[in-house]
């Protein structure tokens, strides 16, 4: 069941017909369990699995090149 917290103006009533509201309600019934499950999965830590052969890249000290001067001040673009 869909519950509206504000009064529907005539403009909304043109779009949110009885059939449209039933359709949205059916979509909610159909997909709510999957959406709830996906949102629960997001609460945990991300499942990152790096390859062991690239560990030296992550643990070593490295630097990137400086930002080119033409990219440092882009006000004219």
Protein backbone atom coordinates (compact mmCIF):
# COMPACT_ATOMS: atom_id res chain seq x y z
CA UNK A 1 0.00 0.00 0.00
CA UNK A 2 1.28 3.45 -0.88
CA UNK A 3 0.76 6.24 1.61
CA UNK A 4 1.08 9.88 0.56
CA UNK A 5 2.18 12.24 3.28
CA UNK A 6 0.97 15.38 1.51
CA UNK A 7 -2.27 16.16 -0.24
CA UNK A 8 -2.23 15.38 -3.95
CA UNK A 9 -2.92 18.45 -6.03
CA UNK A 10 -4.96 18.15 -9.23
CA UNK A 11 -1.72 18.13 -11.26
CA UNK A 12 -0.45 15.09 -9.38
CA UNK A 13 -3.80 13.35 -9.70
CA UNK A 14 -3.46 13.51 -13.48
CA UNK A 15 -0.23 11.50 -13.28
CA UNK A 16 -0.84 9.37 -10.21
CA UNK A 17 -3.98 7.65 -11.38
CA UNK A 18 -5.39 4.69 -9.49
CA UNK A 19 -3.81 2.34 -12.02
CA UNK A 20 -0.43 4.07 -11.72
CA UNK A 21 -0.51 3.84 -7.93
CA UNK A 22 -1.41 0.13 -8.13
CA UNK A 23 1.47 -0.42 -10.57
CA UNK A 24 3.96 1.29 -8.24
CA UNK A 25 2.61 -0.71 -5.32
CA UNK A 26 3.08 -3.96 -7.25
CA UNK A 27 6.64 -2.97 -8.15
CA UNK A 28 7.33 -2.35 -4.49
CA UNK A 29 5.91 -5.74 -3.50
CA UNK A 30 7.95 -7.45 -6.20
CA UNK A 31 11.31 -5.75 -5.64
CA UNK A 32 11.30 -4.71 -1.95
CA UNK A 33 12.94 -7.93 -0.69
CA UNK A 34 15.79 -7.68 -3.21
CA UNK A 35 16.30 -3.97 -2.50
CA UNK A 36 16.36 -4.61 1.25
CA UNK A 37 18.92 -7.38 0.79
CA UNK A 38 21.15 -5.21 -1.40
CA UNK A 39 21.02 -2.36 1.09
CA UNK A 40 21.95 -4.75 3.92
CA UNK A 41 24.91 -6.00 1.88
CA UNK A 42 26.18 -2.42 1.57
CA UNK A 43 26.50 -2.12 5.36
CA UNK A 44 29.44 -4.51 5.52
CA UNK A 45 33.00 -3.75 4.55
CA UNK A 46 33.75 -3.75 0.83
CA UNK A 47 34.96 -7.08 -0.47
CA UNK A 48 38.28 -6.06 -2.00
CA UNK A 49 40.61 -8.85 -2.90
CA UNK A 50 43.93 -7.73 -4.30
CA UNK A 51 46.21 -10.13 -6.08
CA UNK A 52 49.26 -11.20 -4.09
CA UNK A 53 51.54 -10.58 -7.07
CA UNK A 54 50.76 -6.83 -6.93
CA UNK A 55 51.35 -6.42 -3.19
CA UNK A 56 54.75 -4.80 -3.81
CA UNK A 57 52.97 -1.94 -5.61
CA UNK A 58 50.65 -1.27 -2.69
CA UNK A 59 53.32 -1.53 0.00
CA UNK A 60 56.14 0.31 -1.73
CA UNK A 61 56.68 4.05 -1.58
CA UNK A 62 55.77 5.68 -4.87
CA UNK A 63 54.97 9.11 -6.25
CA UNK A 64 53.09 10.49 -9.21
CA UNK A 65 54.29 13.18 -11.59
CA UNK A 66 53.41 16.77 -10.66
CA UNK A 67 50.31 18.34 -12.17
CA UNK A 68 51.22 20.18 -15.41
CA UNK A 69 51.01 23.95 -15.06
CA UNK A 70 48.35 24.29 -17.78
CA UNK A 71 46.04 22.09 -15.67
CA UNK A 72 46.67 23.88 -12.39
CA UNK A 73 44.86 27.08 -13.40
CA UNK A 74 41.81 26.40 -15.54
CA UNK A 75 39.87 29.63 -15.05
CA UNK A 76 40.08 30.56 -18.72
CA UNK A 77 38.37 27.43 -19.99
